[in-house]
Amino acid sequence: MKKIQILGTGCAKCQKLTAVVDETAKALGLTYEIEKVTEIDRIMGFGVMSTPALVVDGVVKLAGKVPAIEDMKKLLD
């Protein structure tokens, strides 16, 4: 099971990233869990300075933007 974390304060881009991740993971047939991390100290603990950010299995894959679904497929693979 992939552990996917969305780092952000709940802004519109954070919500969009969550939707893109969910849609992409379903399309790939992944078994996954999404956790939204909204606490600033936890976000900074990942070394992320711009949100939204995507963390997959403990590794920061993306920060500061929302990718297209085709790009997201590469990040989740």
Protein backbone atom coordinates (compact mmCIF):
# COMPACT_ATOMS: atom_id res chain seq x y z
CA MET A 1 0.00 0.00 0.00
CA LYS A 2 1.31 3.44 -0.94
CA LYS A 3 1.20 6.12 1.72
CA ILE A 4 0.48 9.44 0.02
CA GLN A 5 0.65 12.67 1.96
CA ILE A 6 -0.59 16.03 0.73
CA LEU A 7 1.22 18.86 2.50
CA GLY A 8 -0.61 22.16 2.64
CA THR A 9 -2.91 24.39 4.63
CA GLY A 10 -6.06 23.46 2.74
CA CYS A 11 -5.87 26.08 -0.02
CA ALA A 12 -7.51 25.61 -3.42
CA LYS A 13 -4.27 24.24 -4.92
CA CYS A 14 -3.98 21.73 -2.06
CA GLN A 15 -7.52 20.54 -2.73
CA LYS A 16 -6.79 20.29 -6.47
CA LEU A 17 -3.63 18.26 -5.79
CA THR A 18 -5.63 15.87 -3.60
CA ALA A 19 -8.20 15.41 -6.38
CA VAL A 20 -5.50 14.78 -9.03
CA VAL A 21 -3.71 12.27 -6.76
CA ASP A 22 -6.93 10.43 -5.98
CA GLU A 23 -8.01 10.26 -9.64
CA THR A 24 -4.56 9.14 -10.81
CA ALA A 25 -4.11 6.50 -8.11
CA LYS A 26 -7.52 5.02 -8.93
CA ALA A 27 -6.69 5.02 -12.66
CA LEU A 28 -3.44 3.16 -11.93
CA GLY A 29 -5.27 0.65 -9.73
CA LEU A 30 -3.07 1.44 -6.73
CA THR A 31 -3.81 0.49 -3.17
CA TYR A 32 -3.20 3.73 -1.31
CA GLU A 33 -3.97 5.89 1.67
CA ILE A 34 -4.09 9.70 1.48
CA GLU A 35 -3.22 11.79 4.52
CA LYS A 36 -3.59 15.57 4.52
CA VAL A 37 -0.85 17.25 6.53
CA THR A 38 -1.89 20.79 7.46
CA GLU A 39 0.30 21.57 10.47
CA ILE A 40 3.10 23.99 9.50
CA ASP A 41 5.67 22.31 11.77
CA ARG A 42 5.02 18.90 10.18
CA ILE A 43 5.21 20.39 6.68
CA MET A 44 8.53 22.07 7.50
CA GLY A 45 9.75 18.75 8.93
CA PHE A 46 9.74 17.44 5.36
CA GLY A 47 11.96 20.35 4.30
CA VAL A 48 9.17 21.77 2.14
CA MET A 49 9.01 25.55 1.80
CA SER A 50 6.20 25.86 -0.76
CA THR A 51 2.86 24.11 -0.86
CA PRO A 52 1.09 22.14 -2.00
CA ALA A 53 3.55 19.30 -1.79
CA LEU A 54 3.30 15.59 -2.47
CA VAL A 55 5.02 12.93 -0.37
CA VAL A 56 4.91 9.28 -1.48
CA ASP A 57 6.12 6.65 0.98
CA GLY A 58 8.08 9.28 2.93
CA VAL A 59 9.79 10.84 -0.12
CA VAL A 60 8.96 14.39 -1.26
CA LYS A 61 8.07 14.07 -4.96
CA LEU A 62 6.73 17.54 -5.73
CA ALA A 63 6.37 20.97 -4.14
CA GLY A 64 4.70 24.22 -5.13
CA LYS A 65 2.54 23.08 -8.03
CA VAL A 66 -0.25 20.79 -9.21
CA PRO A 67 0.85 18.53 -12.09
CA ALA A 68 -1.26 17.16 -14.92
CA ILE A 69 -2.55 13.61 -14.51
CA GLU A 70 0.03 12.24 -17.00
CA ASP A 71 2.86 13.73 -14.92
CA MET A 72 1.25 12.48 -11.70
CA LYS A 73 1.29 8.91 -13.06
CA LYS A 74 5.09 9.09 -13.19
CA LEU A 75 5.28 10.44 -9.64
CA LEU A 76 3.07 7.68 -8.21
CA ASP A 77 4.69 4.79 -10.09
